[in-house]
Each structure stands twice: as structure tokens, then as C-alpha cells.
N, C-alpha and C. Protein backbone atom coordinates (compact mmCIF):
# COMPACT_ATOMS: atom_id res chain seq x y z
N MET A 1 74.09 35.84 13.01
CA MET A 1 73.42 36.75 13.86
C MET A 1 73.00 35.89 15.27
N ASN A 2 73.59 36.79 16.17
CA ASN A 2 73.17 36.39 17.67
C ASN A 2 72.06 36.89 18.25
N PRO A 3 71.14 35.67 18.49
CA PRO A 3 69.78 36.02 18.98
C PRO A 3 69.54 36.99 19.96
N LYS A 4 70.73 37.06 20.83
CA LYS A 4 70.49 37.71 22.22
C LYS A 4 70.58 39.33 21.87
N PHE A 5 70.87 39.54 20.50
CA PHE A 5 70.87 40.83 20.38
C PHE A 5 69.50 41.18 19.28
N PHE A 6 68.48 40.48 19.03
CA PHE A 6 67.41 40.49 18.60
C PHE A 6 66.66 41.95 18.73
N GLY A 7 66.29 42.56 17.70
CA GLY A 7 65.57 43.78 18.11
C GLY A 7 66.60 45.08 18.18
N ASP A 8 68.02 45.04 18.22
CA ASP A 8 68.76 46.00 18.44
C ASP A 8 68.68 47.07 17.14
N SER A 9 69.52 48.15 17.00
CA SER A 9 69.41 49.05 16.13
C SER A 9 69.67 48.61 14.75
N TYR A 10 70.72 47.62 14.64
CA TYR A 10 71.10 47.04 13.47
C TYR A 10 69.97 46.35 12.82
N ASP A 11 69.33 45.83 13.62
CA ASP A 11 68.10 45.21 12.98
C ASP A 11 67.31 46.15 12.35
N ILE A 12 67.24 47.13 12.82
CA ILE A 12 66.29 48.31 12.10
C ILE A 12 66.93 48.52 11.01
N VAL A 13 68.18 48.79 10.97
CA VAL A 13 68.75 49.03 9.61
C VAL A 13 68.62 47.94 8.59
N LYS A 14 68.80 46.62 9.01
CA LYS A 14 68.46 45.54 8.11
C LYS A 14 66.93 45.74 7.55
N GLN A 15 65.85 45.64 8.30
CA GLN A 15 64.56 45.73 8.12
C GLN A 15 64.64 46.95 6.89
N SER A 16 64.98 48.16 7.22
CA SER A 16 64.89 49.12 6.51
C SER A 16 65.55 48.63 5.11
N LEU A 17 66.57 48.61 5.15
CA LEU A 17 67.38 47.82 3.74
C LEU A 17 66.45 47.01 2.83
N LEU A 18 66.01 45.89 3.62
CA LEU A 18 65.09 44.83 2.97
C LEU A 18 63.79 45.32 2.42
N ASN A 19 63.27 46.33 3.22
CA ASN A 19 61.85 47.08 2.84
C ASN A 19 61.99 47.77 1.43
N TRP A 20 63.29 48.63 1.42
CA TRP A 20 63.69 49.47 0.37
C TRP A 20 63.82 48.69 -0.90
N LEU A 21 64.49 47.37 -0.51
CA LEU A 21 64.94 46.54 -1.82
C LEU A 21 63.67 45.46 -2.08
N ALA A 22 62.72 45.50 -1.37
CA ALA A 22 61.27 44.48 -1.80
C ALA A 22 60.89 44.66 -2.99
N GLY A 23 61.11 45.83 -3.86
CA GLY A 23 60.61 45.97 -5.16
C GLY A 23 61.51 45.29 -6.30
N MET A 24 62.79 44.87 -5.81
CA MET A 24 63.47 43.92 -6.84
C MET A 24 62.92 42.61 -6.94
N GLY A 25 62.03 42.15 -5.98
CA GLY A 25 61.77 40.84 -6.12
C GLY A 25 61.66 40.00 -4.60
N THR A 26 61.47 38.78 -4.63
CA THR A 26 61.32 38.34 -3.17
C THR A 26 62.96 38.11 -2.79
N TRP A 27 62.90 38.40 -1.23
CA TRP A 27 64.11 38.01 -0.47
C TRP A 27 63.85 37.05 0.58
N SER A 28 64.98 36.29 0.48
CA SER A 28 64.93 35.30 1.82
C SER A 28 66.26 35.60 2.66
N THR A 29 66.23 35.30 3.93
CA THR A 29 67.31 35.46 4.61
C THR A 29 67.77 34.02 5.40
N HIS A 30 69.34 34.05 5.28
CA HIS A 30 70.05 33.02 5.97
C HIS A 30 70.69 33.69 7.18
N PRO A 31 69.92 33.41 8.34
CA PRO A 31 70.50 34.33 9.59
C PRO A 31 71.70 34.08 10.20
N MET A 32 72.18 32.94 9.95
CA MET A 32 73.62 32.38 10.22
C MET A 32 73.76 32.39 11.73
N PHE A 33 72.60 31.95 12.49
CA PHE A 33 72.61 32.07 13.91
C PHE A 33 73.66 31.37 14.50
N THR A 34 74.57 32.07 15.60
CA THR A 34 75.83 31.73 16.48
C THR A 34 75.25 31.11 17.57
N GLU A 35 73.95 31.12 18.10
CA GLU A 35 73.49 30.50 19.33
C GLU A 35 72.17 29.85 18.86
N PRO A 36 71.96 28.66 19.82
CA PRO A 36 70.55 28.18 19.40
C PRO A 36 69.26 29.27 19.60
N ILE A 37 68.29 28.96 18.63
CA ILE A 37 67.16 29.91 18.71
C ILE A 37 65.87 29.16 18.72
N THR A 38 65.02 29.56 19.43
CA THR A 38 63.75 29.17 19.40
C THR A 38 62.92 29.33 18.31
N VAL A 39 62.02 28.12 17.93
CA VAL A 39 60.92 28.60 16.66
C VAL A 39 60.40 30.19 16.96
N GLU A 40 59.87 30.52 18.05
CA GLU A 40 59.24 31.61 18.27
C GLU A 40 60.00 32.87 18.07
N ASP A 41 61.58 32.99 18.47
CA ASP A 41 62.22 33.76 18.37
C ASP A 41 62.62 34.02 16.67
N ALA A 42 63.04 32.89 16.08
CA ALA A 42 63.06 32.80 14.73
C ALA A 42 61.97 33.51 14.02
N THR A 43 60.65 33.02 14.02
CA THR A 43 59.68 33.87 13.57
C THR A 43 59.64 34.94 13.85
N ALA A 44 59.80 35.73 14.98
CA ALA A 44 59.75 37.21 15.33
C ALA A 44 60.75 37.75 14.59
N PHE A 45 61.94 36.87 14.28
CA PHE A 45 62.97 37.76 13.62
C PHE A 45 62.58 37.73 12.15
N SER A 46 61.96 36.57 11.53
CA SER A 46 61.41 36.78 10.01
C SER A 46 60.44 37.75 9.85
N GLN A 47 59.39 37.79 10.83
CA GLN A 47 58.54 39.09 10.46
C GLN A 47 59.09 40.49 10.90
N LEU A 48 60.10 40.69 11.61
CA LEU A 48 60.73 41.78 11.56
C LEU A 48 61.59 42.00 10.17
N LEU A 49 62.29 41.31 9.75
CA LEU A 49 62.79 41.30 8.55
C LEU A 49 61.84 41.61 7.26
N GLY A 50 60.70 40.74 7.27
CA GLY A 50 59.57 40.65 6.29
C GLY A 50 60.03 39.95 5.21
N THR A 51 60.72 38.77 5.55
CA THR A 51 61.45 37.68 4.65
C THR A 51 61.35 36.45 5.38
N ARG A 52 61.47 35.45 4.47
CA ARG A 52 61.41 34.03 5.10
C ARG A 52 62.94 33.78 5.44
N LEU A 53 62.94 32.86 6.40
CA LEU A 53 64.43 32.14 6.99
C LEU A 53 64.66 30.86 6.05
N LEU A 54 65.89 30.89 5.70
CA LEU A 54 66.22 29.68 4.88
C LEU A 54 66.68 28.51 5.86
N SER A 55 67.10 28.88 7.00
CA SER A 55 67.45 27.85 7.96
C SER A 55 67.25 28.58 9.40
N LEU A 56 67.29 27.49 10.48
CA LEU A 56 67.18 27.89 11.76
C LEU A 56 68.75 27.23 12.45
N ASP A 57 69.51 26.74 11.63
CA ASP A 57 70.46 25.75 12.04
C ASP A 57 71.54 26.72 12.58
N GLN A 58 72.16 26.50 13.81
CA GLN A 58 73.58 27.35 14.31
C GLN A 58 74.57 26.94 13.58
N ILE A 59 75.56 28.09 13.13
CA ILE A 59 76.81 27.58 12.84
C ILE A 59 77.81 27.62 13.92
N THR A 60 78.62 26.68 13.89
CA THR A 60 79.59 26.53 15.08
C THR A 60 81.03 26.15 14.23
N THR A 61 81.73 25.86 15.35
CA THR A 61 83.20 25.65 14.75
C THR A 61 83.37 24.32 14.05
N GLN A 62 82.27 23.41 14.46
CA GLN A 62 82.20 22.02 13.95
C GLN A 62 81.24 22.03 12.55
N THR A 63 80.65 23.01 12.27
CA THR A 63 79.88 23.10 10.94
C THR A 63 80.68 22.72 9.72
N ASP A 64 80.04 22.02 8.88
CA ASP A 64 80.55 21.77 7.51
C ASP A 64 79.76 23.30 6.79
N ARG A 65 80.68 24.26 6.46
CA ARG A 65 80.32 25.52 6.16
C ARG A 65 79.88 25.36 4.68
N VAL A 66 80.30 24.21 3.75
CA VAL A 66 79.99 24.26 2.46
C VAL A 66 78.55 24.00 2.42
N ALA A 67 78.36 22.65 3.29
CA ALA A 67 76.76 22.25 3.23
C ALA A 67 76.02 23.33 3.87
N TYR A 68 76.32 23.88 5.05
CA TYR A 68 75.55 24.97 5.75
C TYR A 68 75.08 26.22 4.73
N LEU A 69 75.89 26.23 3.61
CA LEU A 69 75.66 27.57 2.70
C LEU A 69 74.86 27.00 1.42
N ALA A 70 74.90 25.63 1.37
CA ALA A 70 74.41 25.20 0.22
C ALA A 70 72.90 25.59 -0.09
N ILE A 71 72.25 25.88 0.91
CA ILE A 71 70.82 26.47 0.78
C ILE A 71 70.69 27.80 0.14
N VAL A 72 71.93 28.42 0.45
CA VAL A 72 71.81 29.65 -0.10
C VAL A 72 72.35 29.52 -1.66
N ARG A 73 73.33 28.96 -2.01
CA ARG A 73 73.81 28.73 -3.43
C ARG A 73 72.59 28.17 -4.19
N ASP A 74 71.41 27.61 -3.67
CA ASP A 74 70.49 26.83 -4.31
C ASP A 74 69.23 27.88 -4.34
N CYS A 75 69.05 28.82 -3.79
CA CYS A 75 68.00 30.01 -3.60
C CYS A 75 67.81 30.73 -4.71
N ARG A 76 66.59 30.67 -5.40
CA ARG A 76 66.32 31.64 -6.44
C ARG A 76 65.86 32.61 -6.03
N ASP A 77 65.52 33.08 -4.78
CA ASP A 77 65.38 34.54 -4.64
C ASP A 77 66.42 35.35 -4.10
N HIS A 78 66.42 36.62 -4.07
CA HIS A 78 67.67 37.41 -3.71
C HIS A 78 67.85 36.98 -2.27
N VAL A 79 68.93 37.19 -1.58
CA VAL A 79 69.23 36.61 -0.40
C VAL A 79 69.86 37.70 0.47
N PHE A 80 69.50 37.72 1.78
CA PHE A 80 70.13 38.45 2.69
C PHE A 80 71.02 37.52 3.71
N LEU A 81 72.21 37.72 3.75
CA LEU A 81 73.13 36.90 4.68
C LEU A 81 73.36 37.80 5.87
N ASP A 82 73.29 36.89 7.15
CA ASP A 82 73.55 37.97 8.19
C ASP A 82 74.52 37.37 9.20
N PRO A 83 75.82 37.40 8.82
CA PRO A 83 77.01 36.93 9.79
C PRO A 83 76.89 37.55 11.02
N ASP A 84 77.20 37.20 12.12
CA ASP A 84 77.24 37.95 13.48
C ASP A 84 78.11 39.02 13.39
N THR A 85 79.46 39.16 12.58
CA THR A 85 80.33 40.04 12.69
C THR A 85 80.37 40.40 11.31
N GLY A 86 80.41 39.67 10.25
CA GLY A 86 80.45 40.23 8.77
C GLY A 86 81.41 39.32 8.02
N ILE A 87 82.01 40.10 6.88
CA ILE A 87 82.56 39.57 5.95
C ILE A 87 84.06 39.49 5.99
N ARG A 88 84.82 38.33 6.19
CA ARG A 88 86.13 37.95 6.32
C ARG A 88 86.85 37.67 5.11
N LEU A 89 87.54 38.27 4.26
CA LEU A 89 88.01 37.84 3.03
C LEU A 89 88.66 36.49 3.10
N LYS A 90 89.61 36.49 4.11
CA LYS A 90 90.41 35.05 4.18
C LYS A 90 89.82 34.18 5.16
N PRO A 91 89.75 33.01 5.13
CA PRO A 91 89.05 32.09 5.81
C PRO A 91 89.98 31.87 6.85
N CYS A 92 89.64 31.61 8.20
CA CYS A 92 90.33 31.36 9.58
C CYS A 92 89.59 29.93 9.92
N ASN A 93 90.45 29.33 10.80
CA ASN A 93 89.92 28.26 11.67
C ASN A 93 90.12 28.28 13.15
N THR A 94 89.22 29.41 13.43
CA THR A 94 89.44 29.54 15.11
C THR A 94 88.19 29.69 15.73
N LEU A 95 87.97 30.05 16.82
CA LEU A 95 86.85 30.06 17.91
C LEU A 95 85.84 30.91 17.10
N HIS A 96 86.25 32.25 16.45
CA HIS A 96 85.61 33.24 15.91
C HIS A 96 85.09 32.97 14.51
N ALA A 97 85.36 31.71 13.99
CA ALA A 97 85.19 31.40 12.42
C ALA A 97 83.49 31.59 12.37
N PRO A 98 82.72 30.99 13.35
CA PRO A 98 81.25 31.30 12.85
C PRO A 98 80.63 32.55 12.98
N ARG A 99 81.25 33.60 13.23
CA ARG A 99 80.92 34.65 13.28
C ARG A 99 81.30 35.44 11.90
N TYR A 100 81.63 34.86 10.82
CA TYR A 100 82.07 35.61 9.78
C TYR A 100 81.48 34.67 8.54
N LEU A 101 81.17 35.37 7.14
CA LEU A 101 81.19 34.70 6.40
C LEU A 101 82.65 35.08 5.46
N PHE A 102 83.16 34.08 4.82
CA PHE A 102 84.34 34.19 4.15
C PHE A 102 84.10 34.54 2.73
N GLY A 103 84.98 35.44 2.11
CA GLY A 103 85.20 35.69 0.96
C GLY A 103 84.96 34.72 -0.08
N PRO A 104 85.80 33.72 0.02
CA PRO A 104 85.62 32.41 -1.04
C PRO A 104 84.12 32.27 -1.05
N GLU A 105 83.52 32.11 0.22
CA GLU A 105 82.00 31.53 0.07
C GLU A 105 81.04 32.50 -0.34
N LEU A 106 81.39 33.94 -0.38
CA LEU A 106 80.34 34.90 -0.74
C LEU A 106 80.77 34.87 -2.21
N VAL A 107 82.00 34.60 -2.90
CA VAL A 107 81.98 34.52 -4.56
C VAL A 107 81.31 33.30 -4.87
N ALA A 108 81.31 32.29 -4.45
CA ALA A 108 80.68 31.10 -4.61
C ALA A 108 79.33 31.35 -4.71
N ILE A 109 78.87 31.85 -3.43
CA ILE A 109 77.33 32.15 -3.71
C ILE A 109 76.65 32.96 -4.78
N ALA A 110 77.43 34.17 -5.00
CA ALA A 110 77.10 35.04 -6.08
C ALA A 110 77.24 34.30 -7.52
N ASP A 111 78.45 33.64 -7.65
CA ASP A 111 78.65 32.88 -8.94
C ASP A 111 77.44 31.89 -9.30
N ALA A 112 76.92 30.95 -8.14
CA ALA A 112 75.96 30.40 -8.43
C ALA A 112 74.57 30.87 -8.48
N ARG A 113 74.44 32.00 -8.15
CA ARG A 113 73.09 32.94 -8.57
C ARG A 113 73.22 34.15 -9.43
N PRO A 114 73.74 34.17 -10.43
CA PRO A 114 73.80 35.33 -11.36
C PRO A 114 72.91 35.96 -11.63
N GLU A 115 71.73 35.42 -11.75
CA GLU A 115 70.38 36.38 -11.84
C GLU A 115 69.79 36.99 -10.50
N ASN A 116 70.42 36.91 -9.33
CA ASN A 116 69.87 37.26 -8.01
C ASN A 116 71.15 38.03 -7.25
N LEU A 117 70.48 39.04 -6.50
CA LEU A 117 71.48 39.76 -5.63
C LEU A 117 71.52 39.14 -4.28
N THR A 118 72.69 39.38 -3.61
CA THR A 118 73.11 39.19 -2.30
C THR A 118 73.46 40.33 -1.31
N LEU A 119 72.77 40.35 -0.35
CA LEU A 119 72.81 41.59 0.54
C LEU A 119 73.59 40.94 1.71
N VAL A 120 74.70 41.45 2.11
CA VAL A 120 75.50 40.96 3.51
C VAL A 120 75.59 41.92 4.58
N PHE A 121 75.37 41.88 5.64
CA PHE A 121 75.60 42.68 6.88
C PHE A 121 77.02 42.63 7.22
N ASP A 122 77.95 43.68 7.22
CA ASP A 122 79.40 43.45 7.51
C ASP A 122 79.69 44.68 8.91
N GLN A 123 80.05 43.89 9.97
CA GLN A 123 80.75 44.89 10.97
C GLN A 123 82.15 44.57 11.15
N SER A 124 82.60 43.98 10.46
CA SER A 124 83.94 43.47 10.68
C SER A 124 85.01 44.45 9.88
N LEU A 125 84.91 45.74 10.47
CA LEU A 125 85.60 46.71 9.84
C LEU A 125 85.97 47.66 11.10
N ALA A 126 87.35 48.14 11.17
CA ALA A 126 87.83 48.87 12.06
C ALA A 126 87.44 50.39 12.03
N ARG A 127 87.06 50.82 13.34
CA ARG A 127 86.71 52.35 13.27
C ARG A 127 87.64 53.07 12.60
N GLY A 128 86.98 53.93 12.02
CA GLY A 128 87.67 55.04 11.11
C GLY A 128 88.59 54.49 9.81
N LYS A 129 88.34 53.06 9.43
CA LYS A 129 88.96 52.59 8.25
C LYS A 129 87.74 51.87 7.56
N GLU A 130 86.68 52.01 7.93
CA GLU A 130 85.37 51.38 7.39
C GLU A 130 85.45 51.48 5.81
N ARG A 131 85.52 52.69 5.04
CA ARG A 131 85.44 52.82 3.79
C ARG A 131 86.79 52.30 2.94
N GLU A 132 87.79 52.07 3.52
CA GLU A 132 89.02 51.63 3.11
C GLU A 132 88.94 50.23 3.06
N GLN A 133 88.60 49.64 4.00
CA GLN A 133 88.28 48.18 4.42
C GLN A 133 87.04 47.60 3.34
N ILE A 134 86.00 48.37 3.37
CA ILE A 134 84.98 47.98 2.33
C ILE A 134 85.69 47.98 1.05
N GLN A 135 86.15 49.05 0.39
CA GLN A 135 86.71 49.13 -0.92
C GLN A 135 87.52 47.90 -1.03
N ASN A 136 88.68 47.41 -0.18
CA ASN A 136 89.27 46.41 -0.41
C ASN A 136 88.50 45.25 -0.69
N LYS A 137 87.51 45.11 0.26
CA LYS A 137 86.71 43.80 0.04
C LYS A 137 85.93 43.80 -1.29
N MET A 138 85.18 45.16 -1.54
CA MET A 138 84.73 45.35 -3.18
C MET A 138 85.87 44.92 -4.23
N ALA A 139 87.00 45.12 -4.04
CA ALA A 139 88.09 45.20 -4.91
C ALA A 139 88.11 43.57 -5.13
N ALA A 140 88.33 43.06 -3.99
CA ALA A 140 88.43 41.46 -4.18
C ALA A 140 87.40 40.97 -4.76
N PHE A 141 86.27 41.35 -4.70
CA PHE A 141 85.17 40.50 -5.17
C PHE A 141 85.16 40.73 -6.80
N ALA A 142 85.61 42.07 -7.08
CA ALA A 142 85.61 42.38 -8.28
C ALA A 142 86.61 41.58 -9.26
N GLU A 143 87.66 41.21 -8.66
CA GLU A 143 88.63 40.31 -9.33
C GLU A 143 88.16 38.96 -9.49
N HIS A 144 86.77 38.60 -9.07
CA HIS A 144 86.19 37.23 -9.33
C HIS A 144 84.94 37.70 -10.01
N GLY A 145 84.97 38.99 -10.87
CA GLY A 145 83.67 39.08 -11.46
C GLY A 145 82.35 39.34 -10.85
N ILE A 146 82.52 39.58 -9.38
CA ILE A 146 81.26 40.03 -8.48
C ILE A 146 81.32 41.61 -8.32
N LEU A 147 80.25 42.34 -8.86
CA LEU A 147 80.24 43.69 -8.50
C LEU A 147 79.44 43.61 -7.30
N SER A 148 79.68 45.05 -6.61
CA SER A 148 79.07 45.40 -5.44
C SER A 148 78.85 46.75 -5.08
N ILE A 149 78.09 47.17 -4.37
CA ILE A 149 78.01 48.55 -3.84
C ILE A 149 77.92 48.28 -2.19
N ALA A 150 78.11 49.43 -1.51
CA ALA A 150 78.08 49.42 0.01
C ALA A 150 77.24 50.33 0.43
N TYR A 151 76.90 50.33 1.42
CA TYR A 151 76.27 51.50 2.45
C TYR A 151 77.25 51.39 3.68
N VAL A 152 78.02 52.35 3.96
CA VAL A 152 78.89 52.55 5.00
C VAL A 152 78.30 53.61 6.17
N SER A 153 78.17 53.09 7.29
CA SER A 153 77.60 53.64 8.25
C SER A 153 78.34 52.53 9.63
N HIS A 154 77.78 53.16 11.02
CA HIS A 154 77.84 52.18 11.81
C HIS A 154 77.47 50.93 11.72
N ALA A 155 76.68 50.53 10.81
CA ALA A 155 76.08 49.30 10.40
C ALA A 155 76.13 49.19 9.00
N SER A 156 77.10 48.59 8.55
CA SER A 156 77.48 48.52 6.93
C SER A 156 77.04 47.28 6.30
N PHE A 157 76.90 47.65 5.17
CA PHE A 157 76.13 46.14 4.22
C PHE A 157 76.75 46.71 2.91
N ILE A 158 77.02 45.12 2.46
CA ILE A 158 77.59 45.12 0.94
C ILE A 158 76.44 44.47 0.15
N LEU A 159 75.91 45.03 -1.05
CA LEU A 159 74.92 44.59 -2.08
C LEU A 159 75.83 43.86 -3.10
N LEU A 160 75.91 42.62 -3.55
CA LEU A 160 76.67 42.02 -4.59
C LEU A 160 75.78 41.45 -5.44
N GLY A 161 76.33 41.13 -6.76
CA GLY A 161 75.78 40.47 -8.08
C GLY A 161 76.84 40.38 -9.18
N LYS A 162 76.38 39.49 -10.02
CA LYS A 162 77.07 39.35 -11.08
C LYS A 162 76.47 40.09 -12.36
N ASP A 163 75.32 40.72 -12.15
CA ASP A 163 74.54 41.21 -13.30
C ASP A 163 74.59 42.68 -13.00
N HIS A 164 75.40 43.39 -13.92
CA HIS A 164 75.37 44.58 -13.81
C HIS A 164 74.38 45.64 -13.80
N SER A 165 73.39 45.33 -14.64
CA SER A 165 71.92 45.87 -14.65
C SER A 165 71.18 45.77 -13.51
N LEU A 166 71.13 44.54 -12.98
CA LEU A 166 70.69 44.29 -11.91
C LEU A 166 70.93 44.99 -10.69
N LEU A 167 72.42 44.79 -10.35
CA LEU A 167 72.94 45.60 -9.46
C LEU A 167 72.84 47.13 -9.34
N GLU A 168 73.03 47.69 -10.67
CA GLU A 168 72.80 49.21 -10.91
C GLU A 168 71.04 49.45 -10.43
N SER A 169 70.22 48.84 -10.88
CA SER A 169 68.79 48.77 -10.56
C SER A 169 68.84 48.81 -9.07
N GLY A 170 69.35 47.78 -8.33
CA GLY A 170 69.39 47.90 -6.83
C GLY A 170 69.81 49.18 -6.28
N PHE A 171 70.99 49.79 -6.74
CA PHE A 171 71.60 50.77 -6.43
C PHE A 171 70.68 52.10 -6.52
N LYS A 172 70.14 52.10 -7.74
CA LYS A 172 69.01 53.34 -7.80
C LYS A 172 67.96 53.11 -6.80
N VAL A 173 67.59 51.82 -6.54
CA VAL A 173 66.11 51.84 -5.65
C VAL A 173 66.67 52.26 -4.20
N LEU A 174 67.99 51.77 -3.79
CA LEU A 174 68.54 52.17 -2.61
C LEU A 174 68.54 53.55 -2.53
N LYS A 175 69.22 54.27 -3.43
CA LYS A 175 69.15 55.78 -3.32
C LYS A 175 67.94 56.62 -3.34
N LYS A 176 66.94 55.77 -4.06
CA LYS A 176 65.78 56.72 -4.35
C LYS A 176 64.85 56.62 -2.95
N LYS A 177 64.70 55.27 -2.55
CA LYS A 177 63.90 54.76 -1.42
C LYS A 177 64.45 55.44 -0.08
N SER A 178 65.66 55.39 0.14
CA SER A 178 66.33 55.77 1.27
C SER A 178 66.35 57.19 1.46
N ARG A 179 66.64 57.74 0.51
CA ARG A 179 67.13 59.17 0.42
C ARG A 179 68.26 59.61 1.48
N LEU A 180 69.26 58.72 1.46
CA LEU A 180 70.34 58.91 2.25
C LEU A 180 71.11 59.39 1.30
N PRO A 181 72.29 60.31 1.88
CA PRO A 181 73.28 61.09 1.20
C PRO A 181 74.09 60.00 0.32
N GLU A 182 74.43 60.59 -1.12
CA GLU A 182 75.01 59.67 -1.89
C GLU A 182 76.56 59.33 -1.09
N SER A 183 77.03 60.11 -0.49
CA SER A 183 78.41 60.07 0.28
C SER A 183 78.51 58.86 1.11
N ARG A 184 77.19 58.19 1.75
CA ARG A 184 77.26 56.87 2.31
C ARG A 184 77.35 55.60 1.46
N PHE A 185 77.35 55.74 0.06
CA PHE A 185 77.44 54.59 -0.77
C PHE A 185 78.62 54.56 -1.28
N LEU A 186 79.37 53.62 -1.57
CA LEU A 186 80.38 53.12 -2.42
C LEU A 186 79.86 52.22 -3.54
N SER A 187 80.41 52.82 -4.89
CA SER A 187 80.01 51.70 -5.73
C SER A 187 81.22 51.15 -6.34
N TRP A 188 81.07 49.83 -7.28
CA TRP A 188 82.04 49.39 -7.65
C TRP A 188 83.13 50.04 -8.75
N ARG A 189 82.27 51.01 -9.25
CA ARG A 189 82.96 51.85 -10.28
C ARG A 189 84.08 52.44 -9.63
N ALA A 190 83.93 52.94 -8.27
CA ALA A 190 85.03 53.71 -7.34
C ALA A 190 86.09 52.79 -7.20
N THR A 191 86.08 51.46 -7.12
CA THR A 191 86.92 50.31 -6.84
C THR A 191 87.74 49.88 -8.15
N ASN A 192 86.85 50.06 -9.00
CA ASN A 192 87.65 49.13 -10.05
C ASN A 192 87.03 50.00 -11.55
N LYS A 193 88.10 50.80 -11.87
CA LYS A 193 87.56 51.65 -13.14
C LYS A 193 87.36 51.07 -14.22
N ALA A 194 87.97 49.66 -14.34
CA ALA A 194 87.84 48.96 -15.49
C ALA A 194 86.33 48.54 -15.74
N LEU A 195 85.47 48.03 -14.75
CA LEU A 195 84.54 47.52 -14.86
C LEU A 195 83.37 48.54 -15.32
């Protein structure tokens, strides 16, 4: 999350999704700040989302990513991860790396928390290919036993988990509370019929 965009329309979608999913249990957020943030601004972001923040630390090219994400792997709440750009399946070692959550990191997080859900903001999608690219990500996660659903729009999100019934409950809650058209969602069933 880049603090200079705090309060934009994407934050309204984040707030809505977390409000709709609040009945699933307690949610915490790892904001993955890409710029320094004041305590006051972090508090305002936490209040906007209605969740506690797991960290105020900035992610940089020098960050030990395993240590940086350990707080998420150890968290027993449902977790919302807010990378600045989104999910990149293959890790990279460039100046843009802090803007992404990498596929193997997300798999490790879901594996470590089989009784909890993980929600991730994902803007790393090419215009006009959003559905195809999200389906490719969902298929890659399914290969590791991680089930997912996705909300596809200009502000796309993926909800993941290892527990089929928990993810199914989350999917039902999202559909019922949001009243969004079913066509806005992708399910792991469409990605891998064997699951």
C-alpha cells in the first residue's frame, strides 16, 4: 500500500470487502507499506478498514521478505494483505519487487494458516485480460492445494484458503452481503474441476 493513495476508491472497495467478511471472524491487515508512514496515518488507515494493522514497517528492495511476512504466517486471524500492485506468481529481484506479493510467499502463508482465510488486493492485471490472468493465478495456487475465489473489477481481489468449507462460507457471505452479480466472481471450481 502506498500511503499517498490513502482514501482512494480502491480503499473503499477494501473497506467494503472487509466489512462483508467481518462475520467470518477477526481480520487483521498487513498493509505492506511501500513508503514511510506516520502513526497518525496508519491509525487512520486501520480505522478505515476496521482491522488492526500487523505492521507499520515499509517493504523495500533491501527487506528480508521471509522475516517481513513471518508476522502474517504466525497470525491466527483472517488476514488481508495489501501489496501496492498485487500478486506476481514468479518472484523478481528488481526495483519493483516491493510492490508485489509473490506466489510462493502467498502459498507459504496459506499453508501456515489452514484454518484461516487470506484476502489479497491484486492490481497486477493487464486491462482486458483480468479474468484470464486471475484464473491463471488461481490455477497455480490450486496446484499447491490452495483454493481461491476472486472478485474481478477495476479493483480485483483474491480470497484464498486451504479449508474448502471455510472458503465456501466466505464465498456465500460475499455473494449475499455484496449483492454483486455472480459474473463478477471466479471460483476455484471453474479453475480446476478436479477440486
